Structure formats: C-alpha cells, structure tokens
Amino acid sequence: MAEKSLRNPNFAIPDDSESSAYRFIIVAAKRARQLQGGARSFLPTTSKKPTVAAMEEVRRGLVKYWDPSVQPADAETPENA
C-alpha cells in the first residue's frame, strides 16, 4: 500500500516540517465534506471524487485553515496585558 503512494503523487501526503500528516488529513477531510455539500472546487478537475480534489487543493495550499494550537507572534498574552 505504501508503495502505491510513492508512485502516485495524488495519494502522497506532503512531508514538510511546518505541518503534520495528521493535519493534512483533517483539513483535506473537512474540505472534502464541503465539496460533497456543494461547495465549488478551487481547481478544475476531472476527478469526480471529492476526496481527491480536496487533497490536491490542500497540497497546493489553496485551502486556508486556522490552527488554534499555534498562537500568532503578535498576539497579546495574559502576562503582557
């Protein structure tokens, strides 16, 4: 199964230090749900599978998400307030 993902980049999970594979899966799954609910795709695609389209959108950085565990550098902390 892992061998198939190495051959086909459509099913590969990005391996960058900034985001995790878990985050990629969660964001792509939420986007796939949006696509199933009728949202328009950010990319023209020939795939009829919303999961494939969602994974490609996330991989290309077209899906914006907010990670509540990461605090922006300019945000005030209770200690500074």
Protein backbone atom coordinates (compact mmCIF):
# COMPACT_ATOMS: atom_id res chain seq x y z
CA MET A 1 0.00 0.00 0.00
CA ALA A 2 2.79 2.45 0.87
CA GLU A 3 4.49 1.53 -2.39
CA LYS A 4 1.44 2.74 -4.33
CA SER A 5 1.55 6.13 -2.60
CA LEU A 6 5.18 6.59 -3.65
CA ARG A 7 4.32 6.01 -7.28
CA ASN A 8 1.22 8.18 -7.42
CA PRO A 9 1.71 11.75 -6.16
CA ASN A 10 -2.06 12.25 -5.93
CA PHE A 11 -2.12 9.98 -2.90
CA ALA A 12 1.10 11.14 -1.26
CA ILE A 13 0.92 13.07 1.99
CA PRO A 14 3.17 16.14 1.98
CA ASP A 15 6.16 15.80 4.25
CA ASP A 16 7.05 19.29 5.35
CA SER A 17 8.26 20.37 8.75
CA GLU A 18 5.62 23.05 9.13
CA SER A 19 2.59 20.77 9.02
CA SER A 20 1.94 17.21 10.00
CA ALA A 21 0.38 14.36 8.08
CA TYR A 22 -2.42 14.32 10.64
CA ARG A 23 -3.23 18.00 9.99
CA PHE A 24 -3.18 17.39 6.24
CA ILE A 25 -5.68 14.54 6.58
CA ILE A 26 -8.02 16.52 8.84
CA VAL A 27 -8.00 19.62 6.61
CA ALA A 28 -8.48 17.54 3.45
CA ALA A 29 -11.34 15.59 5.04
CA LYS A 30 -13.12 18.78 6.07
CA ARG A 31 -12.64 20.24 2.59
CA ALA A 32 -13.95 17.02 1.00
CA ARG A 33 -17.08 17.37 3.14
CA GLN A 34 -17.53 20.91 1.88
CA LEU A 35 -17.19 19.70 -1.71
CA GLN A 36 -19.72 16.93 -1.09
CA GLY A 37 -22.08 19.55 0.31
CA GLY A 38 -21.96 21.55 -2.92
CA ALA A 39 -19.01 23.91 -2.49
CA ARG A 40 -17.16 24.76 -5.69
CA SER A 41 -13.70 23.38 -6.21
CA PHE A 42 -10.76 25.78 -6.36
CA LEU A 43 -9.28 23.73 -9.21
CA PRO A 44 -10.71 22.48 -12.46
CA THR A 45 -10.63 18.73 -12.04
CA THR A 46 -11.64 15.67 -13.98
CA SER A 47 -11.98 13.62 -10.81
CA LYS A 48 -15.47 13.00 -9.57
CA LYS A 49 -14.16 12.07 -6.12
CA PRO A 50 -14.28 14.97 -3.67
CA THR A 51 -11.52 13.42 -1.55
CA VAL A 52 -9.05 13.50 -4.45
CA ALA A 53 -9.96 17.10 -5.29
CA ALA A 54 -9.70 18.14 -1.62
CA MET A 55 -6.28 16.53 -1.20
CA GLU A 56 -4.98 18.35 -4.26
CA GLU A 57 -6.37 21.68 -3.08
CA VAL A 58 -4.74 21.27 0.34
CA ARG A 59 -1.47 20.08 -1.19
CA ARG A 60 -1.32 23.23 -3.35
CA GLY A 61 -2.10 25.49 -0.42
CA LEU A 62 -5.45 26.68 -1.77
CA VAL A 63 -7.35 25.76 1.38
CA LYS A 64 -6.84 28.18 4.23
CA TYR A 65 -7.15 26.88 7.76
CA TRP A 66 -6.51 28.13 11.27
CA ASP A 67 -4.68 26.05 13.84
CA PRO A 68 -5.85 27.04 17.34
CA SER A 69 -2.77 25.43 18.92
CA VAL A 70 -0.47 27.92 17.16
CA GLN A 71 -0.59 31.40 18.61
CA PRO A 72 0.38 34.30 16.33
CA ALA A 73 3.58 36.09 17.35
CA ASP A 74 1.88 39.47 17.63
CA ALA A 75 -0.99 38.26 19.84
CA GLU A 76 -1.12 39.54 23.39
CA THR A 77 -0.54 37.03 26.12
CA PRO A 78 -2.23 37.35 29.54
CA GLU A 79 1.17 38.17 31.03
CA ASN A 80 1.59 41.20 28.73
CA ALA A 81 -1.97 42.51 29.15
